N, C-alpha and C. Protein backbone atom coordinates (compact mmCIF):
# COMPACT_ATOMS: atom_id res chain seq x y z
N MET A 1 0.85 -1.16 0.00
CA MET A 1 0.00 0.00 0.00
C MET A 1 0.89 1.23 0.00
N SER A 2 0.66 2.19 -0.90
CA SER A 2 1.41 3.43 -0.90
C SER A 2 0.50 4.55 -0.43
N ALA A 3 1.12 5.66 -0.03
CA ALA A 3 0.33 6.74 0.56
C ALA A 3 1.03 8.06 0.37
N GLN A 4 0.27 9.12 0.48
CA GLN A 4 0.77 10.49 0.52
C GLN A 4 -0.07 11.25 1.52
N PRO A 5 0.54 12.25 2.19
CA PRO A 5 -0.26 13.07 3.10
C PRO A 5 -1.20 13.96 2.30
N SER A 6 -2.06 14.68 3.01
CA SER A 6 -3.07 15.50 2.35
C SER A 6 -2.46 16.60 1.48
N ASN A 7 -1.28 17.12 1.80
CA ASN A 7 -0.60 18.13 1.01
C ASN A 7 0.77 17.60 0.60
N PRO A 8 0.82 16.67 -0.35
CA PRO A 8 2.09 16.02 -0.67
C PRO A 8 3.09 16.97 -1.32
N ASN A 9 4.34 16.72 -1.06
CA ASN A 9 5.44 17.42 -1.70
C ASN A 9 5.74 16.66 -2.99
N PRO A 10 5.63 17.31 -4.16
CA PRO A 10 5.83 16.57 -5.41
C PRO A 10 7.24 16.02 -5.57
N ASP A 11 8.22 16.57 -4.83
CA ASP A 11 9.60 16.09 -4.93
C ASP A 11 9.89 14.94 -3.98
N ALA A 12 8.96 14.65 -3.06
CA ALA A 12 9.18 13.60 -2.07
C ALA A 12 8.95 12.23 -2.70
N PRO A 13 9.73 11.22 -2.28
CA PRO A 13 9.47 9.87 -2.79
C PRO A 13 8.12 9.36 -2.29
N GLU A 14 7.53 8.46 -3.05
CA GLU A 14 6.25 7.89 -2.65
C GLU A 14 6.42 7.08 -1.37
N ALA A 15 5.47 7.24 -0.48
CA ALA A 15 5.50 6.51 0.79
C ALA A 15 4.84 5.16 0.60
N ARG A 16 5.30 4.19 1.39
CA ARG A 16 4.74 2.84 1.32
C ARG A 16 4.75 2.23 2.72
N PHE A 17 3.80 1.33 2.96
CA PHE A 17 3.75 0.60 4.21
C PHE A 17 4.46 -0.74 4.04
N GLU A 18 5.17 -1.14 5.09
CA GLU A 18 5.81 -2.44 5.16
C GLU A 18 5.58 -2.99 6.56
N HIS A 19 5.63 -4.31 6.68
CA HIS A 19 5.54 -4.92 8.01
C HIS A 19 6.80 -4.56 8.79
N LEU A 20 6.62 -4.25 10.05
CA LEU A 20 7.76 -4.04 10.93
C LEU A 20 8.42 -5.40 11.17
N THR A 21 9.69 -5.48 10.88
CA THR A 21 10.45 -6.70 11.09
C THR A 21 11.62 -6.40 12.04
N LEU A 22 12.25 -7.44 12.52
CA LEU A 22 13.41 -7.26 13.39
C LEU A 22 14.51 -6.49 12.68
N ALA A 23 14.61 -6.61 11.35
CA ALA A 23 15.62 -5.89 10.59
C ALA A 23 15.43 -4.37 10.66
N ARG A 24 14.20 -3.92 10.85
CA ARG A 24 13.91 -2.48 10.93
C ARG A 24 13.85 -1.98 12.37
N LEU A 25 14.02 -2.86 13.31
CA LEU A 25 13.80 -2.50 14.71
C LEU A 25 14.78 -1.45 15.23
N ASP A 26 16.04 -1.48 14.81
CA ASP A 26 16.99 -0.48 15.28
C ASP A 26 16.57 0.93 14.85
N ALA A 27 16.08 1.07 13.62
CA ALA A 27 15.61 2.38 13.14
C ALA A 27 14.39 2.84 13.93
N VAL A 28 13.49 1.92 14.22
CA VAL A 28 12.29 2.25 15.00
C VAL A 28 12.68 2.66 16.42
N LEU A 29 13.60 1.94 17.02
CA LEU A 29 14.04 2.28 18.37
C LEU A 29 14.72 3.64 18.41
N ALA A 30 15.46 4.00 17.37
CA ALA A 30 16.09 5.32 17.31
C ALA A 30 15.02 6.42 17.28
N VAL A 31 13.95 6.20 16.54
CA VAL A 31 12.85 7.16 16.49
C VAL A 31 12.17 7.24 17.86
N GLU A 32 11.93 6.11 18.49
CA GLU A 32 11.32 6.10 19.83
C GLU A 32 12.12 6.96 20.79
N GLN A 33 13.44 6.84 20.74
CA GLN A 33 14.31 7.62 21.63
C GLN A 33 14.20 9.11 21.35
N GLN A 34 14.04 9.47 20.07
CA GLN A 34 13.91 10.89 19.70
C GLN A 34 12.54 11.44 20.11
N ALA A 35 11.52 10.63 19.98
CA ALA A 35 10.14 11.11 20.08
C ALA A 35 9.59 11.14 21.51
N TYR A 36 10.11 10.33 22.42
CA TYR A 36 9.47 10.15 23.72
C TYR A 36 10.44 10.24 24.88
N THR A 37 9.94 10.74 25.99
CA THR A 37 10.73 10.72 27.23
C THR A 37 10.74 9.33 27.85
N HIS A 38 9.70 8.54 27.58
CA HIS A 38 9.60 7.17 28.07
C HIS A 38 9.29 6.25 26.89
N PRO A 39 10.30 5.98 26.04
CA PRO A 39 10.06 5.20 24.82
C PRO A 39 9.83 3.72 25.11
N TRP A 40 9.20 3.08 24.12
CA TRP A 40 9.11 1.63 24.17
C TRP A 40 10.52 1.05 24.10
N THR A 41 10.69 -0.11 24.68
CA THR A 41 11.98 -0.80 24.66
C THR A 41 12.01 -1.81 23.52
N ARG A 42 13.19 -2.32 23.26
CA ARG A 42 13.32 -3.41 22.27
C ARG A 42 12.41 -4.57 22.67
N GLY A 43 12.36 -4.87 23.96
CA GLY A 43 11.50 -5.94 24.45
C GLY A 43 10.02 -5.70 24.18
N ASN A 44 9.58 -4.44 24.33
CA ASN A 44 8.18 -4.12 24.01
C ASN A 44 7.87 -4.45 22.55
N PHE A 45 8.77 -4.06 21.66
CA PHE A 45 8.54 -4.31 20.24
C PHE A 45 8.65 -5.80 19.89
N THR A 46 9.67 -6.47 20.42
CA THR A 46 9.81 -7.89 20.09
C THR A 46 8.66 -8.71 20.66
N ASP A 47 8.16 -8.34 21.83
CA ASP A 47 6.99 -9.02 22.39
C ASP A 47 5.77 -8.80 21.49
N ALA A 48 5.59 -7.57 21.01
CA ALA A 48 4.45 -7.27 20.14
C ALA A 48 4.54 -8.07 18.84
N LEU A 49 5.74 -8.16 18.28
CA LEU A 49 5.92 -8.94 17.05
C LEU A 49 5.68 -10.43 17.31
N ALA A 50 6.20 -10.93 18.42
CA ALA A 50 6.02 -12.34 18.76
C ALA A 50 4.56 -12.68 19.01
N SER A 51 3.79 -11.70 19.48
CA SER A 51 2.37 -11.91 19.75
C SER A 51 1.51 -11.80 18.51
N GLY A 52 2.12 -11.42 17.40
CA GLY A 52 1.36 -11.32 16.15
C GLY A 52 0.58 -10.03 15.99
N TYR A 53 0.93 -9.01 16.75
CA TYR A 53 0.24 -7.73 16.63
C TYR A 53 0.52 -7.12 15.25
N GLN A 54 -0.40 -6.29 14.81
CA GLN A 54 -0.22 -5.59 13.55
C GLN A 54 0.82 -4.49 13.78
N ALA A 55 1.93 -4.57 13.09
CA ALA A 55 3.02 -3.60 13.24
C ALA A 55 3.49 -3.20 11.85
N GLN A 56 3.28 -1.95 11.52
CA GLN A 56 3.60 -1.43 10.19
C GLN A 56 4.55 -0.25 10.31
N VAL A 57 5.46 -0.15 9.35
CA VAL A 57 6.29 1.05 9.21
C VAL A 57 5.88 1.75 7.93
N LEU A 58 5.97 3.06 7.94
CA LEU A 58 5.69 3.89 6.78
C LEU A 58 7.03 4.42 6.29
N MET A 59 7.39 4.06 5.08
CA MET A 59 8.70 4.39 4.52
C MET A 59 8.55 5.29 3.30
N ALA A 60 9.52 6.17 3.10
CA ALA A 60 9.65 6.95 1.86
C ALA A 60 11.10 6.77 1.43
N GLY A 61 11.31 5.98 0.39
CA GLY A 61 12.67 5.60 0.06
C GLY A 61 13.23 4.80 1.22
N ASP A 62 14.39 5.23 1.73
CA ASP A 62 14.99 4.59 2.89
C ASP A 62 14.67 5.31 4.20
N HIS A 63 13.79 6.32 4.14
CA HIS A 63 13.47 7.12 5.31
C HIS A 63 12.25 6.57 6.04
N LEU A 64 12.41 6.38 7.34
CA LEU A 64 11.31 5.92 8.19
C LEU A 64 10.47 7.14 8.58
N LEU A 65 9.25 7.21 8.05
CA LEU A 65 8.36 8.33 8.34
C LEU A 65 7.60 8.12 9.65
N GLY A 66 7.26 6.87 9.94
CA GLY A 66 6.50 6.57 11.15
C GLY A 66 6.12 5.12 11.20
N TYR A 67 5.34 4.77 12.23
CA TYR A 67 4.95 3.37 12.42
C TYR A 67 3.79 3.31 13.40
N PHE A 68 3.15 2.15 13.41
CA PHE A 68 2.14 1.88 14.43
C PHE A 68 2.17 0.41 14.79
N VAL A 69 1.71 0.13 16.02
CA VAL A 69 1.54 -1.23 16.52
C VAL A 69 0.14 -1.29 17.12
N ALA A 70 -0.63 -2.30 16.70
CA ALA A 70 -2.00 -2.43 17.17
C ALA A 70 -2.34 -3.88 17.45
N MET A 71 -3.24 -4.08 18.40
CA MET A 71 -3.64 -5.40 18.84
C MET A 71 -5.11 -5.62 18.47
N LEU A 72 -5.37 -6.70 17.77
CA LEU A 72 -6.73 -7.06 17.37
C LEU A 72 -7.42 -7.80 18.50
N GLY A 73 -8.65 -7.37 18.80
CA GLY A 73 -9.48 -8.06 19.78
C GLY A 73 -10.66 -8.69 19.05
N VAL A 74 -11.73 -9.00 19.78
CA VAL A 74 -12.89 -9.67 19.19
C VAL A 74 -13.55 -8.78 18.13
N ASP A 75 -13.94 -7.59 18.49
CA ASP A 75 -14.56 -6.69 17.51
C ASP A 75 -13.95 -5.30 17.60
N GLU A 76 -12.71 -5.24 18.10
CA GLU A 76 -12.04 -3.96 18.27
C GLU A 76 -10.54 -4.10 18.06
N VAL A 77 -9.92 -2.97 17.83
CA VAL A 77 -8.47 -2.89 17.72
C VAL A 77 -8.00 -1.86 18.73
N HIS A 78 -6.93 -2.22 19.44
CA HIS A 78 -6.34 -1.32 20.43
C HIS A 78 -5.02 -0.82 19.86
N LEU A 79 -4.93 0.48 19.62
CA LEU A 79 -3.70 1.09 19.15
C LEU A 79 -2.74 1.21 20.32
N LEU A 80 -1.60 0.55 20.22
CA LEU A 80 -0.64 0.51 21.31
C LEU A 80 0.45 1.56 21.17
N ASN A 81 0.85 1.83 19.93
CA ASN A 81 1.91 2.79 19.68
C ASN A 81 1.73 3.33 18.27
N ILE A 82 1.77 4.63 18.14
CA ILE A 82 1.78 5.28 16.83
C ILE A 82 2.74 6.45 16.94
N THR A 83 3.66 6.53 16.00
CA THR A 83 4.70 7.54 16.08
C THR A 83 5.05 8.03 14.68
N VAL A 84 5.15 9.33 14.54
CA VAL A 84 5.70 9.94 13.34
C VAL A 84 7.11 10.41 13.72
N THR A 85 8.08 10.07 12.89
CA THR A 85 9.45 10.50 13.13
C THR A 85 9.47 12.02 13.29
N PRO A 86 10.11 12.55 14.34
CA PRO A 86 10.05 13.99 14.60
C PRO A 86 10.35 14.87 13.38
N ALA A 87 11.30 14.49 12.54
CA ALA A 87 11.64 15.31 11.37
C ALA A 87 10.50 15.38 10.35
N TYR A 88 9.54 14.47 10.44
CA TYR A 88 8.43 14.43 9.48
C TYR A 88 7.08 14.80 10.10
N GLN A 89 7.11 15.28 11.33
CA GLN A 89 5.86 15.68 11.98
C GLN A 89 5.31 16.95 11.35
N ARG A 90 4.00 17.13 11.51
CA ARG A 90 3.27 18.29 10.98
C ARG A 90 3.24 18.32 9.45
N GLN A 91 3.30 17.13 8.85
CA GLN A 91 3.25 17.02 7.39
C GLN A 91 2.09 16.14 6.93
N GLY A 92 1.24 15.69 7.85
CA GLY A 92 0.09 14.88 7.48
C GLY A 92 0.29 13.38 7.59
N TRP A 93 1.45 12.95 8.06
CA TRP A 93 1.73 11.51 8.11
C TRP A 93 0.94 10.80 9.21
N ALA A 94 0.61 11.49 10.28
CA ALA A 94 -0.20 10.86 11.33
C ALA A 94 -1.56 10.45 10.76
N ARG A 95 -2.14 11.29 9.95
CA ARG A 95 -3.43 10.96 9.31
C ARG A 95 -3.28 9.74 8.40
N VAL A 96 -2.19 9.67 7.66
CA VAL A 96 -1.95 8.52 6.78
C VAL A 96 -1.86 7.25 7.62
N LEU A 97 -1.12 7.30 8.72
CA LEU A 97 -1.00 6.14 9.60
C LEU A 97 -2.35 5.73 10.18
N LEU A 98 -3.12 6.71 10.66
CA LEU A 98 -4.43 6.41 11.24
C LEU A 98 -5.40 5.88 10.19
N ASP A 99 -5.36 6.42 8.98
CA ASP A 99 -6.22 5.91 7.91
C ASP A 99 -5.88 4.46 7.58
N ALA A 100 -4.59 4.15 7.51
CA ALA A 100 -4.17 2.78 7.22
C ALA A 100 -4.60 1.83 8.33
N LEU A 101 -4.48 2.27 9.58
CA LEU A 101 -4.91 1.45 10.70
C LEU A 101 -6.41 1.21 10.64
N ALA A 102 -7.20 2.24 10.35
CA ALA A 102 -8.65 2.09 10.26
C ALA A 102 -9.02 1.13 9.13
N LEU A 103 -8.35 1.26 8.00
CA LEU A 103 -8.62 0.37 6.87
C LEU A 103 -8.32 -1.08 7.24
N TRP A 104 -7.17 -1.32 7.85
CA TRP A 104 -6.80 -2.67 8.27
C TRP A 104 -7.82 -3.21 9.29
N SER A 105 -8.20 -2.35 10.24
CA SER A 105 -9.13 -2.76 11.30
C SER A 105 -10.48 -3.15 10.71
N ARG A 106 -11.00 -2.33 9.80
CA ARG A 106 -12.28 -2.66 9.16
C ARG A 106 -12.18 -3.99 8.41
N GLY A 107 -11.05 -4.21 7.77
CA GLY A 107 -10.84 -5.46 7.04
C GLY A 107 -10.83 -6.68 7.93
N ARG A 108 -10.59 -6.50 9.23
CA ARG A 108 -10.58 -7.60 10.19
C ARG A 108 -11.91 -7.69 10.93
N GLY A 109 -12.88 -6.87 10.54
CA GLY A 109 -14.20 -6.92 11.16
C GLY A 109 -14.33 -6.14 12.44
N ALA A 110 -13.34 -5.32 12.76
CA ALA A 110 -13.41 -4.52 13.98
C ALA A 110 -14.46 -3.43 13.83
N GLN A 111 -15.11 -3.12 14.94
CA GLN A 111 -16.11 -2.06 14.96
C GLN A 111 -15.61 -0.82 15.70
N TRP A 112 -14.53 -0.97 16.46
CA TRP A 112 -14.00 0.13 17.27
C TRP A 112 -12.49 0.15 17.23
N LEU A 113 -11.92 1.34 17.30
CA LEU A 113 -10.50 1.55 17.58
C LEU A 113 -10.42 2.20 18.96
N TRP A 114 -9.48 1.75 19.77
CA TRP A 114 -9.28 2.29 21.12
C TRP A 114 -7.82 2.70 21.27
N LEU A 115 -7.58 3.71 22.11
CA LEU A 115 -6.21 4.12 22.41
C LEU A 115 -6.17 4.87 23.72
N GLU A 116 -4.98 4.97 24.28
CA GLU A 116 -4.71 5.84 25.41
C GLU A 116 -3.67 6.86 24.96
N VAL A 117 -3.77 8.05 25.50
CA VAL A 117 -2.81 9.12 25.21
C VAL A 117 -2.57 9.91 26.49
N ARG A 118 -1.34 10.34 26.69
CA ARG A 118 -1.02 11.11 27.89
C ARG A 118 -1.91 12.35 27.99
N THR A 119 -2.35 12.68 29.19
CA THR A 119 -3.17 13.88 29.36
C THR A 119 -2.40 15.13 28.94
N SER A 120 -1.08 15.11 29.07
CA SER A 120 -0.27 16.27 28.69
C SER A 120 -0.06 16.39 27.18
N ASN A 121 -0.38 15.36 26.43
CA ASN A 121 -0.12 15.36 24.99
C ASN A 121 -1.33 15.93 24.24
N GLN A 122 -1.51 17.22 24.37
CA GLN A 122 -2.65 17.89 23.75
C GLN A 122 -2.59 17.82 22.22
N ARG A 123 -1.40 17.89 21.66
CA ARG A 123 -1.27 17.84 20.21
C ARG A 123 -1.78 16.52 19.65
N ALA A 124 -1.40 15.41 20.28
CA ALA A 124 -1.88 14.11 19.82
C ALA A 124 -3.39 14.00 20.01
N GLN A 125 -3.89 14.48 21.13
CA GLN A 125 -5.34 14.42 21.36
C GLN A 125 -6.09 15.18 20.27
N GLN A 126 -5.55 16.32 19.87
CA GLN A 126 -6.19 17.10 18.81
C GLN A 126 -6.17 16.33 17.48
N ILE A 127 -5.05 15.69 17.15
CA ILE A 127 -4.96 14.89 15.92
C ILE A 127 -6.01 13.79 15.95
N TYR A 128 -6.12 13.09 17.08
CA TYR A 128 -7.10 12.01 17.18
C TYR A 128 -8.53 12.55 17.05
N GLN A 129 -8.82 13.66 17.69
CA GLN A 129 -10.17 14.23 17.61
C GLN A 129 -10.52 14.64 16.19
N VAL A 130 -9.59 15.26 15.49
CA VAL A 130 -9.83 15.63 14.09
C VAL A 130 -10.09 14.38 13.24
N HIS A 131 -9.46 13.29 13.61
CA HIS A 131 -9.63 12.03 12.89
C HIS A 131 -10.95 11.33 13.24
N GLY A 132 -11.63 11.78 14.28
CA GLY A 132 -12.91 11.20 14.64
C GLY A 132 -12.95 10.47 15.97
N PHE A 133 -11.82 10.41 16.66
CA PHE A 133 -11.80 9.78 17.99
C PHE A 133 -12.51 10.69 18.99
N ARG A 134 -13.14 10.05 19.97
CA ARG A 134 -13.82 10.78 21.04
C ARG A 134 -13.28 10.34 22.39
N ARG A 135 -13.16 11.30 23.27
CA ARG A 135 -12.70 11.01 24.63
C ARG A 135 -13.82 10.26 25.36
N VAL A 136 -13.47 9.10 25.95
CA VAL A 136 -14.48 8.29 26.62
C VAL A 136 -14.13 8.00 28.08
N GLY A 137 -12.95 8.36 28.51
CA GLY A 137 -12.59 8.09 29.90
C GLY A 137 -11.16 8.46 30.20
N GLU A 138 -10.72 8.03 31.38
CA GLU A 138 -9.38 8.31 31.85
C GLU A 138 -8.84 7.10 32.60
N ARG A 139 -7.57 6.88 32.52
CA ARG A 139 -6.89 5.86 33.32
C ARG A 139 -5.90 6.60 34.22
N LYS A 140 -6.13 6.50 35.50
CA LYS A 140 -5.29 7.19 36.48
C LYS A 140 -3.91 6.54 36.55
N ARG A 141 -2.89 7.38 36.61
CA ARG A 141 -1.50 6.95 36.81
C ARG A 141 -1.08 5.86 35.81
N TYR A 142 -1.45 6.00 34.58
CA TYR A 142 -1.25 4.97 33.56
C TYR A 142 0.18 4.97 33.00
N TYR A 143 0.72 6.15 32.76
CA TYR A 143 2.03 6.27 32.10
C TYR A 143 3.12 6.62 33.11
N PRO A 144 4.34 6.12 32.87
CA PRO A 144 5.47 6.58 33.70
C PRO A 144 5.77 8.04 33.36
N ALA A 145 6.22 8.78 34.36
CA ALA A 145 6.58 10.18 34.17
C ALA A 145 7.91 10.43 34.87
N ALA A 146 8.34 11.66 34.85
CA ALA A 146 9.64 12.02 35.43
C ALA A 146 9.67 11.76 36.93
N ASP A 147 10.87 11.49 37.41
CA ASP A 147 11.12 11.34 38.86
C ASP A 147 10.26 10.28 39.52
N GLY A 148 9.98 9.20 38.81
CA GLY A 148 9.20 8.10 39.39
C GLY A 148 7.73 8.39 39.53
N GLN A 149 7.27 9.49 39.01
CA GLN A 149 5.85 9.84 39.07
C GLN A 149 5.09 9.09 37.98
N ARG A 150 3.78 9.24 37.98
CA ARG A 150 2.91 8.62 36.97
C ARG A 150 2.00 9.70 36.40
N GLU A 151 1.60 9.52 35.14
CA GLU A 151 0.71 10.47 34.46
C GLU A 151 -0.56 9.76 34.03
N ASP A 152 -1.67 10.46 34.13
CA ASP A 152 -2.96 9.91 33.70
C ASP A 152 -3.00 9.80 32.18
N ALA A 153 -3.87 8.91 31.71
CA ALA A 153 -4.10 8.74 30.28
C ALA A 153 -5.55 9.09 29.96
N VAL A 154 -5.74 9.69 28.81
CA VAL A 154 -7.07 9.90 28.26
C VAL A 154 -7.37 8.68 27.38
N VAL A 155 -8.53 8.06 27.58
CA VAL A 155 -8.96 6.93 26.76
C VAL A 155 -9.84 7.50 25.64
N MET A 156 -9.54 7.11 24.41
CA MET A 156 -10.31 7.59 23.27
C MET A 156 -10.75 6.41 22.42
N SER A 157 -11.88 6.57 21.75
CA SER A 157 -12.37 5.52 20.86
C SER A 157 -12.88 6.13 19.56
N PHE A 158 -12.91 5.29 18.54
CA PHE A 158 -13.35 5.69 17.21
C PHE A 158 -14.21 4.58 16.66
N ALA A 159 -15.45 4.89 16.32
CA ALA A 159 -16.36 3.90 15.76
C ALA A 159 -16.04 3.71 14.29
N LEU A 160 -15.77 2.46 13.92
CA LEU A 160 -15.46 2.15 12.54
C LEU A 160 -16.74 1.92 11.76
């Protein structure tokens, strides 16, 4: 599957989705380190791959634009990780990733997409809301934070 953001750069190489494999894991881990104060570990990713979760990378040439990892349930999909490489943020790639996830989820018969996002991550919450996700709850002390503290998560869902 190939993709372009809503305002594509005509000089940019065409983007394509590929399965996340162990061969691409070092590049994904480098992005995690750039993007987050509490990134996923190699173990988090290898466990997700071993469990058969849907894990896709979005590539343009040899450049990693972003990725997502999602877990299929009975009639729902839980988005576990979605990341746009910091150098490619604010270019529409998050929408491309979310659209691809929704398409895959519908193809598996899912009726809902679910996710958690840090309460402090207003930018991500706005992206999800524009995409059609709605805030449905909160998980107290869900995420690790600085100095051994914990941060609440906003729970969001999207009806497919």
